[in-house]
Amino acid sequence: MDRRQPAPRRPAPECSPRQVRGSVLYVRPVVGGVEHDVDGIEPYPVEAGRAAFGVPASLVLRVLRRGDFRFLREARDPSR
């Protein structure tokens, strides 16, 4: 009997610890080596969400019936 090893899990996307300031949860996702402050998570339209991934991936998302997309609102820099 052939016993295959399970595929290694991919690490989760980098994200610094979550911080709570007042009643708002701040998340700092890392994109391209740069941290971004996020101060809002909003629903996003299905077609626009699929289109954000490009043609091959949007077709896969349609076949898999993925229709829940979120927009991460970037926090304004308080020094500006």
Protein backbone atom coordinates (compact mmCIF):
# COMPACT_ATOMS: atom_id res chain seq x y z
CA MET A 1 0.00 0.00 0.00
CA ASP A 2 1.36 3.40 -1.00
CA ARG A 3 1.33 5.85 1.91
CA ARG A 4 1.73 9.38 0.71
CA GLN A 5 2.76 12.21 2.97
CA PRO A 6 0.20 15.00 3.27
CA ALA A 7 1.06 18.17 1.40
CA PRO A 8 2.67 20.79 3.62
CA ARG A 9 0.37 23.61 4.67
CA ARG A 10 1.02 27.06 3.30
CA PRO A 11 1.76 29.65 5.96
CA ALA A 12 -0.95 32.20 6.63
CA PRO A 13 -0.48 35.63 5.06
CA GLU A 14 1.72 37.88 7.12
CA CYS A 15 -0.16 40.12 9.48
CA SER A 16 1.12 41.95 12.51
CA PRO A 17 -0.79 41.59 15.79
CA ARG A 18 -4.25 43.07 15.93
CA GLN A 19 -4.64 46.22 17.93
CA VAL A 20 -7.80 47.65 19.42
CA ARG A 21 -8.03 51.44 19.69
CA GLY A 22 -11.29 52.56 21.20
CA SER A 23 -14.00 50.40 19.63
CA VAL A 24 -12.22 49.90 16.28
CA LEU A 25 -10.14 46.84 15.46
CA TYR A 26 -7.01 47.72 13.49
CA VAL A 27 -5.38 45.04 11.35
CA ARG A 28 -2.04 45.55 9.62
CA PRO A 29 -1.86 43.25 6.57
CA VAL A 30 1.49 43.10 4.77
CA VAL A 31 1.29 43.55 0.99
CA GLY A 32 4.51 43.66 -1.00
CA GLY A 33 6.55 44.04 2.18
CA VAL A 34 4.63 47.16 3.28
CA GLU A 35 2.24 47.20 6.25
CA HIS A 36 -1.13 48.88 5.78
CA ASP A 37 -3.46 50.14 8.52
CA VAL A 38 -7.02 48.93 7.97
CA ASP A 39 -9.80 50.65 9.88
CA GLY A 40 -12.87 49.34 8.09
CA ILE A 41 -14.13 46.15 6.44
CA GLU A 42 -17.06 46.63 4.07
CA PRO A 43 -19.10 44.34 1.81
CA TYR A 44 -18.04 44.43 -1.85
CA PRO A 45 -20.18 43.69 -4.96
CA VAL A 46 -19.84 40.12 -6.28
CA GLU A 47 -18.94 40.94 -9.90
CA ALA A 48 -16.42 43.60 -8.90
CA GLY A 49 -14.89 41.21 -6.36
CA ARG A 50 -14.45 38.47 -8.94
CA ALA A 51 -13.08 40.92 -11.51
CA ALA A 52 -10.37 42.00 -9.04
CA PHE A 53 -8.73 38.57 -9.40
CA GLY A 54 -8.35 38.60 -13.18
CA VAL A 55 -9.79 36.34 -15.87
CA PRO A 56 -8.60 32.81 -14.93
CA ALA A 57 -9.22 33.22 -11.20
CA SER A 58 -12.58 34.97 -11.67
CA LEU A 59 -13.82 31.99 -13.72
CA VAL A 60 -12.72 29.60 -10.96
CA LEU A 61 -14.49 31.77 -8.35
CA ARG A 62 -17.66 31.69 -10.48
CA VAL A 63 -17.52 27.87 -10.83
CA LEU A 64 -16.97 27.52 -7.07
CA ARG A 65 -19.88 29.93 -6.48
CA ARG A 66 -17.79 32.28 -4.36
CA GLY A 67 -19.78 35.43 -3.82
CA ASP A 68 -18.63 36.92 -0.53
CA PHE A 69 -16.07 39.68 -0.98
CA ARG A 70 -14.89 42.37 1.44
CA PHE A 71 -13.22 45.73 0.88
CA LEU A 72 -10.53 46.63 3.40
CA ARG A 73 -10.69 50.39 3.98
CA GLU A 74 -7.19 51.78 4.54
CA ALA A 75 -6.82 54.12 7.53
CA ARG A 76 -5.85 57.70 6.85
CA ASP A 77 -2.44 58.81 8.05
CA PRO A 78 -3.08 61.06 11.08
CA SER A 79 0.08 63.09 10.35
CA ARG A 80 -1.42 64.41 7.07
